[in-house]
Amino acid sequence: AETAGYARQTAVLTPRGSLHRGGLILGQGVEAATVRSSYDRFAQDQVWSRLGDNGHASARASDLRGIEAAFIDSGGGGVGASVAALFASFTALQSDPASGPLRQDVLSRAGDVASTISRAAADLNARSVEADQRIAQVVSRVNTLSNEVAGLNEDIARLEARGGSANDLRSQRTAAVEELASIGPVRVSVGADGGNTVIFAGHTL
């Protein structure tokens, strides 16, 4: 069960008939008529749905952690701490508006706020660029998986039309759709020929 793409398969056995020899009936045992793959459509739909929920939550949490890092007040050097220090300097200046040192402290604290906000903005811009790069990689992966599912659909239809068993190909297709589901919301409809029509984020692949 820990193997990616694994699906349990069971041999379906049928009797081979019997032979009549000298008044005796001799059995010939059984033979594997086919191999059936264990598959539950309802359970698989639930897996795809949960993979989508988990993928969305993981991506959101990762991005929010990066944004949080830009504003965190570690060691009192964050935006919140610098703004609080500026307001404290204004409060001190209010008690003695003519004080040169207090005026200079206000200017210094204001400069700290500007620098801190600039650093946070630069960090957010860098996070935005990283997010755009990740999106490009995800789109490329979605295209690859889409082509893989389409190719497996053709192979499954071709093999089963000749009476063969496509259990392994179906397992590969399920694994590919599961990876798609971990990227975005997926719905799957099964055609009469066994092909899967995949609707990814509202778009038919």
N, C-alpha and C. Protein backbone atom coordinates (compact mmCIF):
# COMPACT_ATOMS: atom_id res chain seq x y z
N ALA A 1 0.81 -1.21 0.00
CA ALA A 1 0.00 0.00 0.00
C ALA A 1 0.85 1.27 0.00
N GLU A 2 2.13 1.15 0.41
CA GLU A 2 3.03 2.30 0.41
C GLU A 2 3.65 2.55 -0.96
N THR A 3 3.39 1.66 -1.91
CA THR A 3 3.94 1.81 -3.26
C THR A 3 3.06 2.73 -4.09
N ALA A 4 3.66 3.77 -4.64
CA ALA A 4 2.90 4.72 -5.46
C ALA A 4 2.26 4.00 -6.64
N GLY A 5 0.97 4.26 -6.87
CA GLY A 5 0.28 3.66 -7.99
C GLY A 5 -0.16 2.23 -7.78
N TYR A 6 0.04 1.71 -6.57
CA TYR A 6 -0.32 0.31 -6.31
C TYR A 6 -1.83 0.13 -6.28
N ALA A 7 -2.31 -0.95 -6.88
CA ALA A 7 -3.71 -1.36 -6.77
C ALA A 7 -3.72 -2.88 -6.64
N ARG A 8 -4.45 -3.38 -5.66
CA ARG A 8 -4.49 -4.83 -5.45
C ARG A 8 -5.15 -5.51 -6.64
N GLN A 9 -4.58 -6.62 -7.08
CA GLN A 9 -5.13 -7.38 -8.19
C GLN A 9 -5.39 -8.81 -7.74
N THR A 10 -6.49 -9.37 -8.21
CA THR A 10 -6.90 -10.71 -7.81
C THR A 10 -7.14 -11.56 -9.04
N ALA A 11 -6.57 -12.75 -9.04
CA ALA A 11 -6.79 -13.67 -10.15
C ALA A 11 -8.18 -14.29 -10.03
N VAL A 12 -8.94 -14.28 -11.12
CA VAL A 12 -10.25 -14.92 -11.17
C VAL A 12 -10.05 -16.31 -11.77
N LEU A 13 -10.30 -17.34 -10.97
CA LEU A 13 -10.03 -18.72 -11.37
C LEU A 13 -11.30 -19.39 -11.88
N THR A 14 -11.16 -20.16 -12.95
CA THR A 14 -12.29 -20.93 -13.50
C THR A 14 -11.85 -22.39 -13.67
N PRO A 15 -12.78 -23.32 -13.50
CA PRO A 15 -12.41 -24.74 -13.65
C PRO A 15 -12.05 -25.06 -15.10
N ARG A 16 -11.11 -25.99 -15.25
CA ARG A 16 -10.65 -26.36 -16.59
C ARG A 16 -11.42 -27.56 -17.14
N GLY A 17 -12.42 -28.00 -16.42
CA GLY A 17 -13.19 -29.16 -16.89
C GLY A 17 -12.58 -30.46 -16.40
N SER A 18 -13.10 -31.56 -16.84
CA SER A 18 -12.63 -32.87 -16.38
C SER A 18 -12.42 -33.80 -17.56
N LEU A 19 -11.63 -34.83 -17.31
CA LEU A 19 -11.35 -35.85 -18.33
C LEU A 19 -11.93 -37.18 -17.87
N HIS A 20 -12.39 -37.98 -18.81
CA HIS A 20 -12.91 -39.31 -18.51
C HIS A 20 -11.86 -40.33 -18.96
N ARG A 21 -11.30 -41.07 -18.04
CA ARG A 21 -10.28 -42.07 -18.34
C ARG A 21 -10.65 -43.38 -17.65
N GLY A 22 -10.98 -44.39 -18.43
CA GLY A 22 -11.26 -45.70 -17.88
C GLY A 22 -12.33 -45.69 -16.81
N GLY A 23 -13.37 -44.98 -17.06
CA GLY A 23 -14.46 -44.91 -16.10
C GLY A 23 -14.21 -43.95 -14.95
N LEU A 24 -13.06 -43.32 -14.97
CA LEU A 24 -12.75 -42.34 -13.92
C LEU A 24 -12.92 -40.91 -14.45
N ILE A 25 -13.34 -40.07 -13.57
CA ILE A 25 -13.46 -38.65 -13.92
C ILE A 25 -12.30 -37.92 -13.26
N LEU A 26 -11.42 -37.38 -14.08
CA LEU A 26 -10.22 -36.71 -13.58
C LEU A 26 -10.37 -35.20 -13.73
N GLY A 27 -10.27 -34.50 -12.64
CA GLY A 27 -10.33 -33.05 -12.70
C GLY A 27 -9.01 -32.47 -13.20
N GLN A 28 -9.08 -31.35 -13.87
CA GLN A 28 -7.89 -30.69 -14.39
C GLN A 28 -7.53 -29.40 -13.65
N GLY A 29 -8.19 -29.22 -12.51
CA GLY A 29 -7.88 -28.04 -11.71
C GLY A 29 -8.53 -26.78 -12.27
N VAL A 30 -7.87 -25.66 -12.04
CA VAL A 30 -8.42 -24.38 -12.47
C VAL A 30 -7.36 -23.60 -13.26
N GLU A 31 -7.82 -22.58 -13.93
CA GLU A 31 -6.90 -21.69 -14.62
C GLU A 31 -7.31 -20.24 -14.34
N ALA A 32 -6.35 -19.36 -14.45
CA ALA A 32 -6.63 -17.93 -14.23
C ALA A 32 -7.29 -17.38 -15.49
N ALA A 33 -8.60 -17.13 -15.39
CA ALA A 33 -9.32 -16.62 -16.55
C ALA A 33 -8.99 -15.16 -16.81
N THR A 34 -8.86 -14.41 -15.73
CA THR A 34 -8.53 -12.99 -15.87
C THR A 34 -7.98 -12.50 -14.54
N VAL A 35 -7.44 -11.31 -14.55
CA VAL A 35 -6.95 -10.68 -13.33
C VAL A 35 -7.76 -9.41 -13.12
N ARG A 36 -8.45 -9.36 -11.98
CA ARG A 36 -9.33 -8.23 -11.69
C ARG A 36 -8.64 -7.27 -10.72
N SER A 37 -8.66 -5.99 -11.06
CA SER A 37 -8.07 -4.97 -10.20
C SER A 37 -9.11 -4.47 -9.22
N SER A 38 -8.74 -4.37 -7.93
CA SER A 38 -9.66 -3.87 -6.91
C SER A 38 -9.75 -2.35 -7.03
N TYR A 39 -10.95 -1.86 -7.30
CA TYR A 39 -11.11 -0.42 -7.55
C TYR A 39 -12.51 -0.02 -7.11
N ASP A 40 -12.58 1.02 -6.30
CA ASP A 40 -13.86 1.53 -5.84
C ASP A 40 -13.98 2.98 -6.28
N ARG A 41 -14.91 3.25 -7.19
CA ARG A 41 -15.02 4.58 -7.78
C ARG A 41 -15.32 5.64 -6.72
N PHE A 42 -16.23 5.32 -5.79
CA PHE A 42 -16.59 6.30 -4.76
C PHE A 42 -15.38 6.63 -3.89
N ALA A 43 -14.65 5.59 -3.46
CA ALA A 43 -13.47 5.81 -2.62
C ALA A 43 -12.41 6.61 -3.36
N GLN A 44 -12.24 6.32 -4.66
CA GLN A 44 -11.24 7.04 -5.44
C GLN A 44 -11.62 8.51 -5.60
N ASP A 45 -12.92 8.79 -5.78
CA ASP A 45 -13.37 10.18 -5.86
C ASP A 45 -13.05 10.93 -4.56
N GLN A 46 -13.21 10.23 -3.43
CA GLN A 46 -12.90 10.84 -2.14
C GLN A 46 -11.41 11.13 -2.01
N VAL A 47 -10.59 10.20 -2.51
CA VAL A 47 -9.14 10.40 -2.48
C VAL A 47 -8.76 11.63 -3.29
N TRP A 48 -9.32 11.74 -4.50
CA TRP A 48 -9.01 12.90 -5.34
C TRP A 48 -9.43 14.20 -4.67
N SER A 49 -10.61 14.18 -4.03
CA SER A 49 -11.11 15.39 -3.36
C SER A 49 -10.20 15.78 -2.20
N ARG A 50 -9.79 14.80 -1.40
CA ARG A 50 -8.94 15.10 -0.23
C ARG A 50 -7.54 15.53 -0.66
N LEU A 51 -7.04 14.95 -1.74
CA LEU A 51 -5.74 15.38 -2.26
C LEU A 51 -5.80 16.84 -2.68
N GLY A 52 -6.90 17.23 -3.32
CA GLY A 52 -7.05 18.63 -3.73
C GLY A 52 -7.10 19.56 -2.53
N ASP A 53 -7.87 19.18 -1.49
CA ASP A 53 -7.95 20.00 -0.28
C ASP A 53 -6.59 20.15 0.37
N ASN A 54 -5.86 19.03 0.45
CA ASN A 54 -4.55 19.06 1.09
C ASN A 54 -3.56 19.89 0.29
N GLY A 55 -3.59 19.74 -1.05
CA GLY A 55 -2.68 20.51 -1.89
C GLY A 55 -2.93 22.01 -1.77
N HIS A 56 -4.20 22.40 -1.74
CA HIS A 56 -4.56 23.81 -1.61
C HIS A 56 -4.09 24.35 -0.26
N ALA A 57 -4.36 23.60 0.81
CA ALA A 57 -3.98 24.07 2.14
C ALA A 57 -2.46 24.16 2.29
N SER A 58 -1.73 23.19 1.73
CA SER A 58 -0.27 23.19 1.83
C SER A 58 0.34 24.38 1.09
N ALA A 59 -0.17 24.64 -0.13
CA ALA A 59 0.35 25.77 -0.91
C ALA A 59 0.05 27.09 -0.21
N ARG A 60 -1.16 27.21 0.33
CA ARG A 60 -1.55 28.44 1.02
C ARG A 60 -0.69 28.65 2.26
N ALA A 61 -0.49 27.59 3.03
CA ALA A 61 0.31 27.70 4.26
C ALA A 61 1.75 28.08 3.94
N SER A 62 2.31 27.50 2.87
CA SER A 62 3.68 27.81 2.48
C SER A 62 3.84 29.28 2.12
N ASP A 63 2.89 29.79 1.33
CA ASP A 63 2.96 31.19 0.92
C ASP A 63 2.76 32.13 2.11
N LEU A 64 1.83 31.79 2.99
CA LEU A 64 1.57 32.66 4.15
C LEU A 64 2.76 32.68 5.10
N ARG A 65 3.46 31.55 5.21
CA ARG A 65 4.67 31.54 6.05
C ARG A 65 5.70 32.52 5.51
N GLY A 66 5.84 32.55 4.17
CA GLY A 66 6.78 33.48 3.57
C GLY A 66 6.39 34.93 3.78
N ILE A 67 5.08 35.22 3.68
CA ILE A 67 4.60 36.58 3.91
C ILE A 67 4.79 36.97 5.37
N GLU A 68 4.50 36.03 6.26
CA GLU A 68 4.64 36.30 7.69
C GLU A 68 6.09 36.67 8.04
N ALA A 69 7.03 36.00 7.38
CA ALA A 69 8.44 36.25 7.67
C ALA A 69 8.82 37.70 7.35
N ALA A 70 8.11 38.31 6.39
CA ALA A 70 8.44 39.69 6.01
C ALA A 70 8.00 40.69 7.07
N PHE A 71 7.05 40.29 7.92
CA PHE A 71 6.50 41.23 8.91
C PHE A 71 6.80 40.84 10.35
N ILE A 72 7.43 39.69 10.56
CA ILE A 72 7.64 39.22 11.92
C ILE A 72 8.59 40.16 12.67
N ASP A 73 8.28 40.43 13.93
CA ASP A 73 9.09 41.35 14.75
C ASP A 73 10.14 40.58 15.53
N SER A 74 11.01 39.88 14.83
CA SER A 74 12.07 39.14 15.53
C SER A 74 13.14 40.12 15.99
N GLY A 75 13.42 40.12 17.28
CA GLY A 75 14.44 41.00 17.83
C GLY A 75 14.05 42.47 17.80
N GLY A 76 12.74 42.74 17.66
CA GLY A 76 12.28 44.13 17.65
C GLY A 76 12.61 44.89 16.39
N GLY A 77 12.92 44.18 15.29
CA GLY A 77 13.31 44.87 14.07
C GLY A 77 12.26 44.87 13.00
N GLY A 78 11.01 44.50 13.35
CA GLY A 78 9.95 44.42 12.36
C GLY A 78 9.22 45.73 12.18
N VAL A 79 8.23 45.72 11.27
CA VAL A 79 7.45 46.92 10.98
C VAL A 79 6.70 47.38 12.23
N GLY A 80 6.07 46.45 12.92
CA GLY A 80 5.29 46.82 14.11
C GLY A 80 6.13 47.48 15.18
N ALA A 81 7.31 46.92 15.44
CA ALA A 81 8.19 47.47 16.47
C ALA A 81 8.69 48.85 16.08
N SER A 82 9.03 49.05 14.81
CA SER A 82 9.55 50.36 14.38
C SER A 82 8.46 51.43 14.42
N VAL A 83 7.22 51.07 14.08
CA VAL A 83 6.12 52.02 14.15
C VAL A 83 5.83 52.37 15.61
N ALA A 84 5.87 51.37 16.50
CA ALA A 84 5.65 51.63 17.93
C ALA A 84 6.72 52.57 18.48
N ALA A 85 7.97 52.37 18.05
CA ALA A 85 9.05 53.24 18.51
C ALA A 85 8.86 54.67 18.00
N LEU A 86 8.34 54.83 16.77
CA LEU A 86 8.08 56.16 16.23
C LEU A 86 7.01 56.87 17.05
N PHE A 87 5.92 56.16 17.36
CA PHE A 87 4.86 56.78 18.17
C PHE A 87 5.36 57.13 19.56
N ALA A 88 6.24 56.31 20.12
CA ALA A 88 6.80 56.61 21.44
C ALA A 88 7.65 57.88 21.39
N SER A 89 8.38 58.06 20.28
CA SER A 89 9.20 59.26 20.15
C SER A 89 8.33 60.50 19.99
N PHE A 90 7.18 60.38 19.30
CA PHE A 90 6.23 61.50 19.22
C PHE A 90 5.67 61.85 20.61
N THR A 91 5.39 60.83 21.38
CA THR A 91 4.86 61.06 22.73
C THR A 91 5.88 61.81 23.57
N ALA A 92 7.16 61.41 23.45
CA ALA A 92 8.21 62.08 24.21
C ALA A 92 8.37 63.52 23.73
N LEU A 93 8.28 63.76 22.43
CA LEU A 93 8.42 65.10 21.88
C LEU A 93 7.27 66.01 22.33
N GLN A 94 6.11 65.44 22.52
CA GLN A 94 4.95 66.21 22.94
C GLN A 94 5.17 66.90 24.29
N SER A 95 5.95 66.24 25.14
CA SER A 95 6.21 66.82 26.46
C SER A 95 7.21 67.98 26.39
N ASP A 96 8.05 68.03 25.35
CA ASP A 96 9.04 69.10 25.22
C ASP A 96 9.28 69.36 23.73
N PRO A 97 8.33 70.05 23.04
CA PRO A 97 8.42 70.23 21.60
C PRO A 97 9.66 70.98 21.13
N ALA A 98 10.29 71.78 22.00
CA ALA A 98 11.44 72.57 21.58
C ALA A 98 12.75 71.81 21.69
N SER A 99 12.71 70.59 22.21
CA SER A 99 13.94 69.81 22.43
C SER A 99 14.52 69.33 21.11
N GLY A 100 15.76 69.75 20.85
CA GLY A 100 16.44 69.32 19.62
C GLY A 100 16.69 67.82 19.59
N PRO A 101 17.22 67.22 20.69
CA PRO A 101 17.45 65.77 20.68
C PRO A 101 16.17 64.96 20.45
N LEU A 102 15.05 65.43 21.04
CA LEU A 102 13.81 64.69 20.87
C LEU A 102 13.31 64.80 19.43
N ARG A 103 13.52 65.99 18.82
CA ARG A 103 13.14 66.15 17.42
C ARG A 103 13.97 65.23 16.51
N GLN A 104 15.26 65.17 16.84
CA GLN A 104 16.14 64.31 16.06
C GLN A 104 15.77 62.83 16.20
N ASP A 105 15.33 62.46 17.44
CA ASP A 105 14.92 61.07 17.67
C ASP A 105 13.69 60.73 16.82
N VAL A 106 12.75 61.70 16.71
CA VAL A 106 11.56 61.47 15.87
C VAL A 106 11.98 61.23 14.43
N LEU A 107 12.89 62.07 13.93
CA LEU A 107 13.35 61.91 12.55
C LEU A 107 14.05 60.56 12.34
N SER A 108 14.85 60.18 13.33
CA SER A 108 15.57 58.90 13.24
C SER A 108 14.59 57.72 13.23
N ARG A 109 13.59 57.81 14.12
CA ARG A 109 12.60 56.72 14.17
C ARG A 109 11.78 56.65 12.88
N ALA A 110 11.46 57.82 12.31
CA ALA A 110 10.73 57.84 11.04
C ALA A 110 11.55 57.20 9.92
N GLY A 111 12.85 57.46 9.93
CA GLY A 111 13.73 56.82 8.95
C GLY A 111 13.76 55.31 9.12
N ASP A 112 13.75 54.86 10.40
CA ASP A 112 13.72 53.42 10.66
C ASP A 112 12.45 52.78 10.10
N VAL A 113 11.30 53.47 10.30
CA VAL A 113 10.03 52.95 9.78
C VAL A 113 10.10 52.82 8.25
N ALA A 114 10.60 53.87 7.59
CA ALA A 114 10.69 53.84 6.13
C ALA A 114 11.59 52.70 5.65
N SER A 115 12.72 52.52 6.32
CA SER A 115 13.65 51.44 5.93
C SER A 115 13.03 50.07 6.15
N THR A 116 12.35 49.92 7.29
CA THR A 116 11.73 48.62 7.59
C THR A 116 10.64 48.28 6.59
N ILE A 117 9.81 49.26 6.24
CA ILE A 117 8.74 49.03 5.26
C ILE A 117 9.34 48.73 3.89
N SER A 118 10.42 49.40 3.53
CA SER A 118 11.07 49.14 2.24
C SER A 118 11.61 47.72 2.18
N ARG A 119 12.23 47.27 3.29
CA ARG A 119 12.74 45.89 3.32
C ARG A 119 11.60 44.88 3.19
N ALA A 120 10.50 45.15 3.91
CA ALA A 120 9.35 44.24 3.83
C ALA A 120 8.78 44.21 2.42
N ALA A 121 8.70 45.38 1.77
CA ALA A 121 8.17 45.44 0.40
C ALA A 121 9.07 44.67 -0.56
N ALA A 122 10.38 44.81 -0.39
CA ALA A 122 11.31 44.08 -1.27
C ALA A 122 11.17 42.58 -1.06
N ASP A 123 10.98 42.17 0.21
CA ASP A 123 10.81 40.75 0.51
C ASP A 123 9.53 40.23 -0.13
N LEU A 124 8.45 41.01 -0.04
CA LEU A 124 7.19 40.59 -0.65
C LEU A 124 7.31 40.50 -2.16
N ASN A 125 8.02 41.44 -2.77
CA ASN A 125 8.23 41.37 -4.22
C ASN A 125 8.99 40.11 -4.61
N ALA A 126 10.00 39.76 -3.80
CA ALA A 126 10.76 38.54 -4.07
C ALA A 126 9.87 37.31 -3.95
N ARG A 127 8.99 37.31 -2.93
CA ARG A 127 8.05 36.19 -2.77
C ARG A 127 7.12 36.10 -3.97
N SER A 128 6.70 37.24 -4.49
CA SER A 128 5.81 37.26 -5.65
C SER A 128 6.49 36.65 -6.87
N VAL A 129 7.77 37.01 -7.07
CA VAL A 129 8.52 36.45 -8.20
C VAL A 129 8.65 34.93 -8.04
N GLU A 130 8.95 34.47 -6.82
CA GLU A 130 9.05 33.03 -6.57
C GLU A 130 7.73 32.33 -6.85
N ALA A 131 6.62 32.96 -6.45
CA ALA A 131 5.30 32.36 -6.69
C ALA A 131 5.03 32.24 -8.19
N ASP A 132 5.39 33.27 -8.96
CA ASP A 132 5.20 33.21 -10.41
C ASP A 132 6.02 32.08 -11.03
N GLN A 133 7.24 31.90 -10.54
CA GLN A 133 8.09 30.82 -11.05
C GLN A 133 7.49 29.46 -10.71
N ARG A 134 6.96 29.32 -9.49
CA ARG A 134 6.34 28.05 -9.11
C ARG A 134 5.11 27.77 -9.96
N ILE A 135 4.33 28.81 -10.27
CA ILE A 135 3.14 28.64 -11.10
C ILE A 135 3.54 28.12 -12.48
N ALA A 136 4.60 28.68 -13.04
CA ALA A 136 5.07 28.22 -14.36
C ALA A 136 5.46 26.75 -14.31
N GLN A 137 6.12 26.34 -13.23
CA GLN A 137 6.51 24.94 -13.08
C GLN A 137 5.28 24.04 -12.94
N VAL A 138 4.28 24.52 -12.19
CA VAL A 138 3.07 23.73 -11.98
C VAL A 138 2.31 23.57 -13.29
N VAL A 139 2.22 24.65 -14.07
CA VAL A 139 1.52 24.58 -15.36
C VAL A 139 2.21 23.57 -16.27
N SER A 140 3.53 23.58 -16.28
CA SER A 140 4.28 22.62 -17.09
C SER A 140 3.99 21.19 -16.64
N ARG A 141 3.93 20.98 -15.32
CA ARG A 141 3.65 19.63 -14.81
C ARG A 141 2.22 19.20 -15.14
N VAL A 142 1.28 20.11 -15.05
CA VAL A 142 -0.12 19.79 -15.40
C VAL A 142 -0.20 19.38 -16.86
N ASN A 143 0.50 20.09 -17.75
CA ASN A 143 0.50 19.73 -19.17
C ASN A 143 1.09 18.35 -19.39
N THR A 144 2.18 18.05 -18.69
CA THR A 144 2.81 16.73 -18.81
C THR A 144 1.86 15.63 -18.36
N LEU A 145 1.22 15.83 -17.20
CA LEU A 145 0.29 14.83 -16.68
C LEU A 145 -0.93 14.67 -17.60
N SER A 146 -1.39 15.77 -18.17
CA SER A 146 -2.53 15.71 -19.09
C SER A 146 -2.20 14.84 -20.30
N ASN A 147 -1.02 15.05 -20.85
CA ASN A 147 -0.60 14.24 -22.00
C ASN A 147 -0.44 12.77 -21.61
N GLU A 148 0.05 12.56 -20.37
CA GLU A 148 0.22 11.19 -19.90
C GLU A 148 -1.13 10.48 -19.78
N VAL A 149 -2.12 11.16 -19.21
CA VAL A 149 -3.46 10.57 -19.08
C VAL A 149 -4.05 10.29 -20.45
N ALA A 150 -3.89 11.23 -21.39
CA ALA A 150 -4.42 11.03 -22.74
C ALA A 150 -3.78 9.82 -23.41
N GLY A 151 -2.46 9.70 -23.26
CA GLY A 151 -1.77 8.55 -23.86
C GLY A 151 -2.21 7.24 -23.23
N LEU A 152 -2.39 7.23 -21.91
CA LEU A 152 -2.84 6.01 -21.23
C LEU A 152 -4.27 5.66 -21.65
N ASN A 153 -5.13 6.67 -21.84
CA ASN A 153 -6.49 6.41 -22.33
C ASN A 153 -6.44 5.64 -23.65
N GLU A 154 -5.59 6.09 -24.55
CA GLU A 154 -5.47 5.43 -25.85
C GLU A 154 -4.94 4.01 -25.71
N ASP A 155 -3.91 3.85 -24.87
CA ASP A 155 -3.31 2.52 -24.69
C ASP A 155 -4.31 1.55 -24.06
N ILE A 156 -5.08 2.04 -23.08
CA ILE A 156 -6.07 1.17 -22.41
C ILE A 156 -7.15 0.75 -23.39
N ALA A 157 -7.66 1.71 -24.15
CA ALA A 157 -8.72 1.38 -25.11
C ALA A 157 -8.21 0.38 -26.16
N ARG A 158 -6.99 0.58 -26.63
CA ARG A 158 -6.42 -0.30 -27.66
C ARG A 158 -6.22 -1.71 -27.12
N LEU A 159 -5.68 -1.80 -25.89
CA LEU A 159 -5.39 -3.12 -25.31
C LEU A 159 -6.67 -3.87 -24.98
N GLU A 160 -7.64 -3.19 -24.38
CA GLU A 160 -8.87 -3.87 -23.99
C GLU A 160 -9.73 -4.21 -25.19
N ALA A 161 -9.62 -3.46 -26.28
CA ALA A 161 -10.35 -3.81 -27.50
C ALA A 161 -9.87 -5.13 -28.07
N ARG A 162 -8.60 -5.49 -27.79
CA ARG A 162 -8.06 -6.77 -28.24
C ARG A 162 -8.29 -7.87 -27.22
N GLY A 163 -9.02 -7.56 -26.14
CA GLY A 163 -9.31 -8.57 -25.13
C GLY A 163 -8.25 -8.69 -24.05
N GLY A 164 -7.29 -7.77 -24.04
CA GLY A 164 -6.24 -7.83 -23.03
C GLY A 164 -6.66 -7.17 -21.73
N SER A 165 -5.81 -7.32 -20.72
CA SER A 165 -6.05 -6.71 -19.41
C SER A 165 -5.17 -5.49 -19.26
N ALA A 166 -5.80 -4.36 -18.94
CA ALA A 166 -5.05 -3.10 -18.82
C ALA A 166 -4.97 -2.62 -17.38
N ASN A 167 -4.94 -3.57 -16.44
CA ASN A 167 -4.95 -3.20 -15.02
C ASN A 167 -3.77 -2.30 -14.65
N ASP A 168 -2.58 -2.66 -15.12
CA ASP A 168 -1.40 -1.87 -14.77
C ASP A 168 -1.48 -0.47 -15.38
N LEU A 169 -1.97 -0.38 -16.62
CA LEU A 169 -2.12 0.93 -17.26
C LEU A 169 -3.16 1.76 -16.52
N ARG A 170 -4.23 1.13 -16.07
CA ARG A 170 -5.25 1.85 -15.31
C ARG A 170 -4.67 2.38 -13.99
N SER A 171 -3.82 1.57 -13.36
CA SER A 171 -3.18 2.02 -12.12
C SER A 171 -2.28 3.22 -12.38
N GLN A 172 -1.54 3.19 -13.50
CA GLN A 172 -0.69 4.32 -13.85
C GLN A 172 -1.53 5.57 -14.10
N ARG A 173 -2.67 5.40 -14.76
CA ARG A 173 -3.54 6.54 -15.05
C ARG A 173 -4.11 7.11 -13.75
N THR A 174 -4.52 6.23 -12.84
CA THR A 174 -5.05 6.69 -11.55
C THR A 174 -3.99 7.48 -10.79
N ALA A 175 -2.74 7.01 -10.82
CA ALA A 175 -1.65 7.71 -10.13
C ALA A 175 -1.43 9.10 -10.75
N ALA A 176 -1.52 9.18 -12.08
CA ALA A 176 -1.34 10.48 -12.75
C ALA A 176 -2.46 11.45 -12.38
N VAL A 177 -3.70 10.93 -12.33
CA VAL A 177 -4.83 11.80 -11.95
C VAL A 177 -4.72 12.21 -10.49
N GLU A 178 -4.20 11.31 -9.64
CA GLU A 178 -4.00 11.67 -8.23
C GLU A 178 -3.01 12.82 -8.10
N GLU A 179 -1.94 12.79 -8.90
CA GLU A 179 -0.99 13.89 -8.85
C GLU A 179 -1.64 15.19 -9.34
N LEU A 180 -2.47 15.08 -10.37
CA LEU A 180 -3.21 16.26 -10.82
C LEU A 180 -4.11 16.79 -9.71
N ALA A 181 -4.76 15.87 -8.99
CA ALA A 181 -5.67 16.27 -7.92
C ALA A 181 -4.93 16.97 -6.79
N SER A 182 -3.66 16.62 -6.59
CA SER A 182 -2.88 17.29 -5.54
C SER A 182 -2.49 18.71 -5.94
N ILE A 183 -2.63 19.03 -7.24
CA ILE A 183 -2.31 20.36 -7.73
C ILE A 183 -3.55 21.25 -7.75
N GLY A 184 -4.68 20.69 -8.18
CA GLY A 184 -5.91 21.47 -8.28
C GLY A 184 -7.12 20.56 -8.27
N PRO A 185 -8.33 21.14 -8.19
CA PRO A 185 -9.55 20.32 -8.11
C PRO A 185 -9.77 19.51 -9.39
N VAL A 186 -10.12 18.24 -9.19
CA VAL A 186 -10.26 17.31 -10.31
C VAL A 186 -11.62 16.59 -10.22
N ARG A 187 -12.28 16.46 -11.36
CA ARG A 187 -13.44 15.59 -11.49
C ARG A 187 -13.21 14.69 -12.69
N VAL A 188 -13.62 13.43 -12.57
CA VAL A 188 -13.34 12.44 -13.61
C VAL A 188 -14.64 11.76 -14.01
N SER A 189 -14.87 11.66 -15.32
CA SER A 189 -15.97 10.85 -15.83
C SER A 189 -15.39 9.76 -16.72
N VAL A 190 -16.00 8.59 -16.65
CA VAL A 190 -15.49 7.43 -17.37
C VAL A 190 -16.37 7.16 -18.58
N GLY A 191 -15.73 7.05 -19.75
CA GLY A 191 -16.45 6.79 -20.98
C GLY A 191 -16.71 5.31 -21.19
N ALA A 192 -17.52 5.00 -22.20
CA ALA A 192 -17.86 3.62 -22.50
C ALA A 192 -16.64 2.79 -22.89
N ASP A 193 -15.63 3.45 -23.45
CA ASP A 193 -14.43 2.73 -23.87
C ASP A 193 -13.41 2.62 -22.75
N GLY A 194 -13.79 3.05 -21.53
CA GLY A 194 -12.87 2.98 -20.40
C GLY A 194 -11.98 4.19 -20.26
N GLY A 195 -12.11 5.14 -21.18
CA GLY A 195 -11.28 6.34 -21.11
C GLY A 195 -11.77 7.30 -20.03
N ASN A 196 -10.83 8.03 -19.44
CA ASN A 196 -11.17 9.02 -18.42
C ASN A 196 -11.19 10.41 -19.04
N THR A 197 -12.28 11.14 -18.81
CA THR A 197 -12.33 12.55 -19.15
C THR A 197 -12.08 13.31 -17.86
N VAL A 198 -10.99 14.06 -17.83
CA VAL A 198 -10.56 14.76 -16.60
C VAL A 198 -10.90 16.23 -16.71
N ILE A 199 -11.65 16.72 -15.72
CA ILE A 199 -11.97 18.14 -15.62
C ILE A 199 -11.11 18.71 -14.50
N PHE A 200 -10.15 19.54 -14.86
CA PHE A 200 -9.18 20.08 -13.92
C PHE A 200 -9.45 21.56 -13.74
N ALA A 201 -9.79 21.95 -12.51
CA ALA A 201 -10.07 23.36 -12.19
C ALA A 201 -11.11 23.95 -13.15
N GLY A 202 -12.12 23.14 -13.49
CA GLY A 202 -13.19 23.61 -14.34
C GLY A 202 -12.92 23.52 -15.83
N HIS A 203 -11.74 23.03 -16.22
CA HIS A 203 -11.37 22.94 -17.63
C HIS A 203 -11.20 21.47 -18.02
N THR A 204 -11.80 21.08 -19.13
CA THR A 204 -11.65 19.71 -19.61
C THR A 204 -10.29 19.53 -20.26
N LEU A 205 -9.53 18.56 -19.75
CA LEU A 205 -8.20 18.31 -20.31
C LEU A 205 -8.32 17.38 -21.51
